[in-house]
N, C-alpha and C. Protein backbone atom coordinates (compact mmCIF):
# COMPACT_ATOMS: atom_id res chain seq x y z
N MET A 1 8.25 22.26 11.05
CA MET A 1 7.05 21.00 10.29
C MET A 1 6.37 21.57 8.94
N PRO A 2 6.13 22.72 8.35
CA PRO A 2 5.93 23.03 7.44
C PRO A 2 6.86 22.91 6.24
N GLU A 3 8.36 22.89 6.54
CA GLU A 3 9.16 22.28 5.50
C GLU A 3 9.30 20.98 5.46
N TRP A 4 8.72 20.16 6.53
CA TRP A 4 8.71 18.65 6.19
C TRP A 4 7.65 18.01 5.86
N LEU A 5 6.61 19.08 5.68
CA LEU A 5 5.29 18.63 5.12
C LEU A 5 5.62 19.12 3.61
N GLU A 6 6.41 19.79 3.33
CA GLU A 6 6.68 20.50 2.06
C GLU A 6 7.42 19.25 1.12
N ARG A 7 8.69 18.83 1.81
CA ARG A 7 9.19 18.11 1.30
C ARG A 7 8.72 16.35 1.56
N LYS A 8 7.65 15.92 2.48
CA LYS A 8 6.86 14.58 2.35
C LYS A 8 6.24 15.00 0.85
N ARG A 9 5.68 15.88 0.70
CA ARG A 9 4.69 16.12 -0.27
C ARG A 9 5.57 16.16 -1.71
N ALA A 10 6.69 16.40 -1.90
CA ALA A 10 7.48 16.77 -2.86
C ALA A 10 7.71 15.07 -3.05
N TYR A 11 8.48 14.47 -2.11
CA TYR A 11 8.48 12.91 -2.34
C TYR A 11 7.65 12.05 -2.44
N ALA A 12 6.46 12.28 -2.10
CA ALA A 12 5.48 11.93 -2.85
C ALA A 12 4.61 11.90 -4.53
N ALA A 13 5.02 13.11 -4.53
CA ALA A 13 4.65 13.57 -6.10
C ALA A 13 5.97 12.82 -6.74
N TYR A 14 7.01 12.82 -6.45
CA TYR A 14 8.13 12.06 -6.74
C TYR A 14 7.75 10.42 -7.23
N PHE A 15 7.13 9.72 -6.10
CA PHE A 15 6.72 8.69 -6.18
C PHE A 15 5.76 8.53 -7.47
N SER A 16 4.71 9.39 -7.31
CA SER A 16 3.68 9.38 -8.41
C SER A 16 4.14 9.32 -9.61
N GLU A 17 5.20 10.51 -9.70
CA GLU A 17 5.49 11.05 -11.47
C GLU A 17 6.65 9.27 -11.83
N GLN A 18 7.45 9.08 -11.25
CA GLN A 18 8.33 7.59 -11.22
C GLN A 18 7.56 6.63 -11.30
N LEU A 19 6.95 5.94 -11.05
CA LEU A 19 5.93 5.15 -10.50
C LEU A 19 4.86 5.04 -11.55
N ALA A 20 4.10 6.11 -12.22
CA ALA A 20 2.99 6.23 -13.19
C ALA A 20 2.43 4.83 -13.61
N ASP A 21 3.96 4.78 -14.43
CA ASP A 21 3.99 4.03 -15.75
C ASP A 21 3.87 2.25 -15.38
N ILE A 22 4.12 2.27 -14.31
CA ILE A 22 4.22 0.69 -13.91
C ILE A 22 2.42 0.20 -13.98
N PRO A 23 2.03 -0.23 -14.79
CA PRO A 23 0.88 -0.80 -14.86
C PRO A 23 0.17 -1.97 -13.90
N PHE A 24 0.55 -2.58 -13.00
CA PHE A 24 -0.37 -3.20 -12.07
C PHE A 24 -0.06 -2.39 -10.96
N LEU A 25 0.06 -1.36 -10.53
CA LEU A 25 0.24 -0.42 -9.37
C LEU A 25 -0.78 0.66 -9.49
N ARG A 26 -1.80 0.79 -8.43
CA ARG A 26 -2.93 1.94 -8.44
C ARG A 26 -2.05 3.04 -7.90
N LEU A 27 -1.78 4.21 -7.60
CA LEU A 27 -1.25 4.93 -6.93
C LEU A 27 -2.50 5.84 -6.35
N PRO A 28 -1.74 6.74 -5.00
CA PRO A 28 -2.68 7.33 -4.39
C PRO A 28 -3.21 8.39 -5.42
N VAL A 29 -4.15 8.49 -5.27
CA VAL A 29 -4.97 10.14 -5.84
C VAL A 29 -5.17 10.69 -4.72
N PHE A 30 -4.78 12.27 -4.96
CA PHE A 30 -5.51 13.36 -4.32
C PHE A 30 -5.75 14.55 -4.84
N SER A 31 -6.41 15.25 -4.26
CA SER A 31 -7.04 16.71 -4.86
C SER A 31 -5.93 17.67 -4.24
N ASP A 32 -6.28 19.08 -4.20
CA ASP A 32 -5.70 19.70 -4.14
C ASP A 32 -5.16 19.94 -2.42
N ARG A 33 -6.08 19.17 -1.62
CA ARG A 33 -5.75 19.17 -0.38
C ARG A 33 -4.67 17.73 -0.06
N GLN A 34 -3.78 18.44 0.06
CA GLN A 34 -2.75 16.91 0.41
C GLN A 34 -2.73 16.52 1.67
N PRO A 35 -2.35 15.00 1.44
CA PRO A 35 -2.29 14.36 3.23
C PRO A 35 -1.08 14.73 3.53
N SER A 36 -0.71 14.67 4.57
CA SER A 36 0.39 14.42 5.51
C SER A 36 1.42 13.69 4.79
N TRP A 37 1.19 12.48 4.17
CA TRP A 37 1.87 11.68 3.75
C TRP A 37 2.53 10.41 5.04
N TYR A 38 1.73 10.22 5.88
CA TYR A 38 2.37 9.21 6.75
C TYR A 38 3.18 8.05 6.26
N ALA A 39 2.59 7.75 5.03
CA ALA A 39 3.23 6.55 4.43
C ALA A 39 2.54 6.69 2.60
N TYR A 40 3.44 6.17 1.74
CA TYR A 40 2.56 6.34 0.39
C TYR A 40 1.72 4.59 -0.05
N VAL A 41 0.79 4.77 0.37
CA VAL A 41 -0.15 3.37 -0.11
C VAL A 41 -0.27 3.18 -1.74
N MET A 42 0.29 1.90 -2.13
CA MET A 42 0.07 1.77 -3.27
C MET A 42 -1.00 0.26 -3.39
N ASN A 43 -1.95 0.33 -4.30
CA ASN A 43 -2.79 -0.90 -4.69
C ASN A 43 -2.09 -2.02 -5.88
N TYR A 44 -2.00 -3.21 -5.45
CA TYR A 44 -1.25 -4.05 -6.52
C TYR A 44 -2.05 -4.98 -7.04
N ASP A 45 -2.33 -5.09 -8.64
CA ASP A 45 -3.22 -5.85 -9.50
C ASP A 45 -2.07 -7.02 -9.96
N ALA A 46 -2.56 -8.08 -9.05
CA ALA A 46 -1.94 -9.30 -9.60
C ALA A 46 -2.13 -9.48 -10.93
N ASP A 47 -3.39 -9.45 -11.78
CA ASP A 47 -3.53 -9.72 -13.08
C ASP A 47 -3.29 -9.13 -13.74
N LEU A 48 -2.80 -7.86 -13.67
CA LEU A 48 -2.05 -7.08 -14.60
C LEU A 48 -0.58 -7.00 -14.39
N ALA A 49 0.11 -7.77 -13.35
CA ALA A 49 1.22 -8.14 -12.84
C ALA A 49 1.98 -9.84 -13.31
N ASN A 50 0.89 -10.23 -14.46
CA ASN A 50 1.04 -11.62 -15.17
C ASN A 50 1.07 -12.59 -14.06
N GLY A 51 0.13 -12.26 -12.93
CA GLY A 51 -0.38 -13.17 -12.34
C GLY A 51 0.87 -13.61 -10.60
N VAL A 52 1.51 -12.79 -10.69
CA VAL A 52 3.04 -13.00 -9.55
C VAL A 52 1.63 -12.19 -8.41
N PRO A 53 1.69 -13.16 -7.49
CA PRO A 53 1.18 -12.48 -6.45
C PRO A 53 2.04 -11.43 -5.50
N LEU A 54 1.04 -10.62 -4.77
CA LEU A 54 1.38 -8.99 -3.99
C LEU A 54 2.80 -9.68 -3.02
N ARG A 55 2.31 -11.01 -2.39
CA ARG A 55 3.61 -11.47 -1.21
C ARG A 55 5.10 -11.58 -2.22
N SER A 56 4.91 -12.10 -3.14
CA SER A 56 6.09 -12.31 -4.13
C SER A 56 6.76 -11.30 -4.60
N PHE A 57 5.58 -10.06 -4.57
CA PHE A 57 6.59 -8.84 -5.39
C PHE A 57 7.30 -8.01 -3.89
N VAL A 58 6.56 -8.16 -3.01
CA VAL A 58 7.40 -7.81 -1.98
C VAL A 58 8.31 -8.21 -1.71
N LYS A 59 8.41 -9.70 -1.55
CA LYS A 59 9.48 -10.37 -1.24
C LYS A 59 10.69 -9.83 -2.02
N ALA A 60 10.68 -9.78 -3.40
CA ALA A 60 11.58 -9.10 -4.38
C ALA A 60 11.73 -7.87 -4.05
N LEU A 61 11.06 -6.84 -3.16
CA LEU A 61 11.65 -5.95 -3.22
C LEU A 61 12.48 -5.69 -2.00
N HIS A 62 12.38 -6.58 -1.20
CA HIS A 62 12.79 -7.12 -0.03
C HIS A 62 14.04 -7.50 -0.35
N ALA A 63 14.49 -8.26 -1.08
CA ALA A 63 15.66 -8.60 -1.78
C ALA A 63 16.45 -7.82 -2.10
N GLU A 64 16.16 -6.66 -3.31
CA GLU A 64 16.38 -5.67 -3.44
C GLU A 64 17.22 -4.71 -2.12
N GLY A 65 16.88 -4.99 -1.40
CA GLY A 65 17.54 -4.13 -0.13
C GLY A 65 16.15 -3.22 0.40
N LEU A 66 14.56 -3.31 -0.13
CA LEU A 66 13.91 -2.46 0.04
C LEU A 66 12.97 -2.45 1.47
N VAL A 67 13.64 -2.98 2.44
CA VAL A 67 13.16 -3.24 3.64
C VAL A 67 11.76 -2.51 4.07
N GLU A 68 12.00 -1.51 3.78
CA GLU A 68 10.91 -0.68 4.62
C GLU A 68 9.34 -0.61 3.72
N VAL A 69 9.44 -1.80 2.41
CA VAL A 69 8.20 -2.01 1.74
C VAL A 69 7.47 -2.68 3.25
N ASP A 70 6.08 -2.36 3.18
CA ASP A 70 5.34 -2.84 4.17
C ASP A 70 3.91 -3.63 3.69
N LEU A 71 3.57 -4.23 3.94
CA LEU A 71 1.94 -5.01 4.03
C LEU A 71 1.45 -4.35 5.39
N PRO A 72 0.32 -3.67 5.10
CA PRO A 72 -0.22 -3.05 6.49
C PRO A 72 -0.99 -4.40 7.12
N ILE A 73 -0.53 -4.47 8.04
CA ILE A 73 -0.98 -5.68 8.82
C ILE A 73 -1.82 -5.08 10.39
N SER A 74 -1.03 -4.11 10.86
CA SER A 74 -1.71 -3.44 12.05
C SER A 74 -3.13 -2.76 11.53
N THR A 75 -2.97 -2.61 10.41
CA THR A 75 -4.01 -1.73 10.20
C THR A 75 -5.41 -2.43 9.49
N GLY A 76 -6.57 -2.15 8.83
CA GLY A 76 -6.92 -2.71 8.02
C GLY A 76 -8.51 -2.31 8.32
N PRO A 77 -9.84 -2.54 7.48
CA PRO A 77 -10.87 -2.01 7.42
C PRO A 77 -11.67 -1.58 8.43
N ILE A 78 -11.97 -0.78 8.35
CA ILE A 78 -12.68 -0.34 9.78
C ILE A 78 -13.76 -0.78 10.11
N HIS A 79 -14.22 -1.57 9.24
CA HIS A 79 -15.57 -2.37 9.54
C HIS A 79 -15.33 -3.92 10.23
N ASP A 80 -14.15 -3.86 10.42
CA ASP A 80 -13.67 -5.24 11.02
C ASP A 80 -13.13 -5.02 12.43
N LEU A 81 -13.19 -3.63 13.04
CA LEU A 81 -13.05 -3.20 14.00
C LEU A 81 -14.17 -4.17 15.48
N PRO A 82 -13.65 -4.55 16.62
CA PRO A 82 -14.68 -4.57 17.62
C PRO A 82 -15.73 -3.83 17.40
N LEU A 83 -15.54 -2.64 17.53
CA LEU A 83 -16.89 -1.36 17.63
C LEU A 83 -17.76 -1.84 17.07
N PHE A 84 -17.70 -2.36 15.91
CA PHE A 84 -18.46 -2.94 14.36
C PHE A 84 -18.90 -4.16 14.61
N THR A 85 -17.96 -4.80 14.99
CA THR A 85 -17.94 -6.24 14.89
C THR A 85 -18.46 -7.10 16.37
N ARG A 86 -18.71 -6.59 17.68
CA ARG A 86 -19.01 -7.32 18.62
C ARG A 86 -19.13 -5.42 19.56
N THR A 87 -20.05 -4.85 18.56
CA THR A 87 -21.09 -3.82 19.55
C THR A 87 -21.53 -4.34 20.96
N HIS A 88 -22.12 -5.31 20.68
CA HIS A 88 -22.53 -5.41 22.11
C HIS A 88 -21.47 -5.63 23.19
N GLU A 89 -20.74 -6.01 22.96
CA GLU A 89 -19.39 -6.35 23.88
C GLU A 89 -18.57 -5.13 24.16
N VAL A 90 -18.47 -3.88 23.10
CA VAL A 90 -18.00 -2.96 23.46
C VAL A 90 -18.74 -1.92 24.05
N LEU A 91 -19.86 -1.68 24.02
CA LEU A 91 -20.82 -0.93 24.11
C LEU A 91 -22.06 -1.69 25.13
N PRO A 92 -21.63 -2.52 26.19
CA PRO A 92 -23.02 -3.49 26.25
C PRO A 92 -23.95 -2.73 26.74
N ARG A 93 -24.18 -1.68 27.30
CA ARG A 93 -25.46 -0.87 27.83
C ARG A 93 -26.11 -0.23 26.67
N LEU A 94 -25.59 -0.32 25.54
CA LEU A 94 -26.17 0.41 24.27
C LEU A 94 -27.21 -0.77 23.37
N TYR A 95 -26.13 -1.88 23.53
CA TYR A 95 -26.41 -2.95 22.43
C TYR A 95 -26.60 -3.88 23.04
N GLY A 96 -27.80 -4.46 22.87
CA GLY A 96 -28.10 -6.15 23.36
C GLY A 96 -27.48 -7.12 22.40
N GLY A 97 -27.39 -7.42 21.36
CA GLY A 97 -27.39 -8.12 20.66
C GLY A 97 -26.20 -8.58 19.72
N PRO A 98 -25.59 -9.19 19.00
CA PRO A 98 -24.23 -9.29 18.51
C PRO A 98 -24.71 -8.17 17.21
N ALA A 99 -23.82 -7.51 16.68
CA ALA A 99 -23.64 -6.68 15.04
C ALA A 99 -22.79 -7.30 14.53
N ARG A 100 -22.27 -8.39 14.28
CA ARG A 100 -21.38 -8.57 13.26
C ARG A 100 -21.57 -8.72 12.30
N ARG A 101 -20.54 -8.13 11.55
CA ARG A 101 -20.73 -8.11 9.87
C ARG A 101 -20.11 -8.83 8.86
N ASP A 102 -20.88 -9.59 8.18
CA ASP A 102 -20.29 -10.25 7.34
C ASP A 102 -18.94 -9.67 6.32
N HIS A 103 -18.45 -10.96 6.15
CA HIS A 103 -17.23 -10.23 4.94
C HIS A 103 -18.13 -9.95 3.78
N GLY A 104 -17.55 -8.97 3.00
CA GLY A 104 -18.29 -9.21 1.51
C GLY A 104 -19.36 -7.79 1.53
N GLU A 105 -19.34 -7.20 2.87
CA GLU A 105 -20.53 -6.25 2.99
C GLU A 105 -20.11 -5.06 2.58
N PHE A 106 -18.56 -4.87 2.38
CA PHE A 106 -17.97 -3.84 2.32
C PHE A 106 -16.59 -4.37 1.23
N PRO A 107 -17.17 -4.90 -0.12
CA PRO A 107 -16.02 -4.97 -0.85
C PRO A 107 -14.77 -4.17 -1.18
N VAL A 108 -15.08 -3.14 -1.61
CA VAL A 108 -14.50 -1.96 -1.71
C VAL A 108 -13.14 -1.68 -0.68
N ALA A 109 -13.65 -1.91 0.58
CA ALA A 109 -12.35 -1.78 1.44
C ALA A 109 -11.89 -3.09 1.61
N GLU A 110 -12.65 -4.05 1.68
CA GLU A 110 -11.69 -5.11 1.60
C GLU A 110 -10.67 -5.29 0.70
N ALA A 111 -11.02 -5.05 -0.54
CA ALA A 111 -9.87 -5.19 -1.59
C ALA A 111 -8.88 -4.44 -1.70
N PHE A 112 -9.22 -3.03 -1.19
CA PHE A 112 -8.36 -2.37 -1.01
C PHE A 112 -7.17 -3.17 0.10
N TYR A 113 -7.60 -3.31 0.91
CA TYR A 113 -6.89 -3.85 2.11
C TYR A 113 -5.75 -4.92 1.28
N ARG A 114 -6.69 -5.65 0.90
CA ARG A 114 -6.09 -7.17 0.40
C ARG A 114 -5.04 -6.85 -0.43
N THR A 115 -5.12 -5.73 -1.40
CA THR A 115 -4.15 -5.40 -2.36
C THR A 115 -2.99 -4.12 -1.98
N ALA A 116 -3.17 -3.91 -0.64
CA ALA A 116 -2.30 -2.58 -0.53
C ALA A 116 -1.24 -3.08 0.22
N PHE A 117 0.19 -2.10 -0.29
CA PHE A 117 1.59 -2.29 0.22
C PHE A 117 1.95 -0.92 0.49
N LYS A 118 2.76 -0.45 1.48
CA LYS A 118 3.21 0.94 1.63
C LYS A 118 4.69 0.88 1.78
N ILE A 119 5.03 2.14 1.72
CA ILE A 119 6.48 2.55 2.02
C ILE A 119 6.47 3.78 2.48
N PRO A 120 7.61 4.19 3.62
CA PRO A 120 7.74 5.21 4.16
C PRO A 120 7.50 6.78 3.07
N VAL A 121 6.94 7.48 3.49
CA VAL A 121 7.30 9.10 2.97
C VAL A 121 8.67 9.73 3.79
N TRP A 122 9.35 9.91 3.35
CA TRP A 122 10.87 10.35 3.91
C TRP A 122 10.90 11.66 4.31
N VAL A 123 11.42 12.35 5.19
CA VAL A 123 11.05 13.81 5.09
C VAL A 123 12.48 14.66 5.16
N ARG A 124 13.59 14.39 5.48
CA ARG A 124 14.86 14.70 5.47
C ARG A 124 15.33 15.46 3.93
N GLU A 125 16.18 16.34 3.52
CA GLU A 125 16.54 16.28 2.48
C GLU A 125 17.75 15.10 2.06
N GLN A 126 18.40 15.05 3.09
CA GLN A 126 19.62 13.86 2.79
C GLN A 126 18.97 12.47 2.87
N ASP A 127 17.66 12.30 2.94
CA ASP A 127 16.90 10.88 2.46
C ASP A 127 16.52 10.84 0.61
N ARG A 128 17.01 12.06 0.16
CA ARG A 128 16.86 11.83 -1.44
C ARG A 128 17.07 10.59 -2.20
N SER A 129 18.51 10.40 -1.96
CA SER A 129 19.06 8.91 -2.34
C SER A 129 18.10 7.79 -1.88
N THR A 130 17.80 7.61 -0.53
CA THR A 130 17.09 6.57 -0.67
C THR A 130 15.70 6.77 -1.04
N VAL A 131 15.23 7.63 -1.60
CA VAL A 131 13.64 7.92 -1.88
C VAL A 131 13.97 7.93 -3.38
N GLU A 132 15.43 8.00 -4.20
CA GLU A 132 15.60 7.49 -5.50
C GLU A 132 15.67 6.09 -5.53
N GLY A 133 16.49 5.57 -4.66
CA GLY A 133 16.55 4.35 -4.47
C GLY A 133 15.55 3.40 -4.35
N TYR A 134 14.46 3.44 -3.60
CA TYR A 134 13.44 3.02 -3.86
C TYR A 134 12.40 3.07 -5.06
N VAL A 135 12.65 3.77 -5.57
CA VAL A 135 11.85 4.20 -6.71
C VAL A 135 12.61 3.38 -8.11
N LYS A 136 14.18 3.29 -7.59
CA LYS A 136 14.73 2.33 -8.81
C LYS A 136 14.46 0.95 -8.57
N GLY A 137 14.60 0.62 -7.35
CA GLY A 137 14.32 -0.80 -6.84
C GLY A 137 13.02 -1.13 -7.26
N ILE A 138 11.89 -0.18 -6.95
CA ILE A 138 10.48 -0.97 -7.76
C ILE A 138 10.52 -0.96 -8.86
N ARG A 139 11.04 0.16 -9.80
CA ARG A 139 10.92 -0.20 -11.12
C ARG A 139 11.82 -1.14 -11.61
N LYS A 140 13.00 -1.64 -11.04
CA LYS A 140 13.51 -2.96 -11.33
C LYS A 140 12.86 -4.19 -10.94
N VAL A 141 12.10 -4.17 -10.05
CA VAL A 141 11.48 -5.26 -9.73
C VAL A 141 10.05 -5.58 -10.51
N ALA A 142 9.48 -4.66 -10.79
CA ALA A 142 8.49 -4.20 -11.45
C ALA A 142 8.52 -4.73 -13.34
N ALA A 143 9.92 -4.17 -13.78
CA ALA A 143 10.05 -4.59 -15.05
C ALA A 143 10.70 -6.15 -15.10
N ALA A 144 11.01 -6.50 -14.29
CA ALA A 144 11.47 -8.45 -13.62
C ALA A 144 9.96 -8.88 -13.89
N ILE A 145 9.09 -8.35 -13.64
CA ILE A 145 7.80 -9.10 -13.04
C ILE A 145 6.86 -8.89 -14.66
N LEU A 146 7.10 -7.91 -15.28
CA LEU A 146 6.55 -7.76 -16.51
C LEU A 146 6.98 -8.44 -17.80
N GLU A 147 8.46 -8.88 -17.78
CA GLU A 147 9.24 -9.51 -18.58
C GLU A 147 9.53 -10.88 -18.31
N ARG A 148 9.82 -11.47 -17.38
CA ARG A 148 9.84 -12.58 -16.71
C ARG A 148 9.38 -13.17 -15.24
N PRO A 149 7.48 -13.23 -15.34
CA PRO A 149 7.18 -13.45 -14.38
C PRO A 149 7.39 -14.94 -14.04
N LYS A 150 7.89 -15.88 -14.81
CA LYS A 150 8.11 -17.30 -14.88
C LYS A 150 9.17 -17.50 -13.37
N VAL A 151 10.02 -16.17 -13.09
CA VAL A 151 11.18 -16.35 -12.37
C VAL A 151 10.30 -16.13 -11.03
N PHE A 152 9.40 -15.58 -10.68
CA PHE A 152 8.14 -15.43 -9.59
C PHE A 152 7.26 -16.39 -8.89
N GLY A 153 7.20 -17.46 -10.03
CA GLY A 153 6.23 -18.55 -9.76
C GLY A 153 5.17 -18.62 -10.24
N ALA A 154 4.80 -17.45 -11.13
CA ALA A 154 3.74 -17.11 -12.08
C ALA A 154 3.62 -18.09 -13.18
N GLN A 155 1.94 -18.63 -12.99
CA GLN A 155 1.72 -19.31 -14.55
C GLN A 155 1.89 -18.95 -15.77
N ALA A 156 2.03 -17.43 -15.61
CA ALA A 156 1.83 -16.98 -16.76
C ALA A 156 2.80 -17.23 -18.04
């Protein structure tokens, strides 16, 4: 396990180094306490991407063969979970009335989720070429978005 974590951390650091200059990607920031890197989650700023929507970016990455790029659908802001939205149903003996939270109550979490996409952080040494291929593909699509946004349907 320590070797796996070390390699995952090295691959995550490689992603951070190689993708840092793409202006419309916000990369994860971490301190000396390293995560285990289940996935490398980035945020996408469509305004800085010449108006190209996140879904168009992901579709172009898939067309490049980067099929592991994913929009997180099975996860989401924790405040949208039934424990917090329908507390009276989840814990009826403790809560009498609805606890529904309104959208917009947690704008930072909601914005993070709306703009997030992720790639795996591979673990094996033989995955190095895959990792390098993902960096190359992301950089290729990013360059196209910056140089030719109309190809992606942007009005820029």
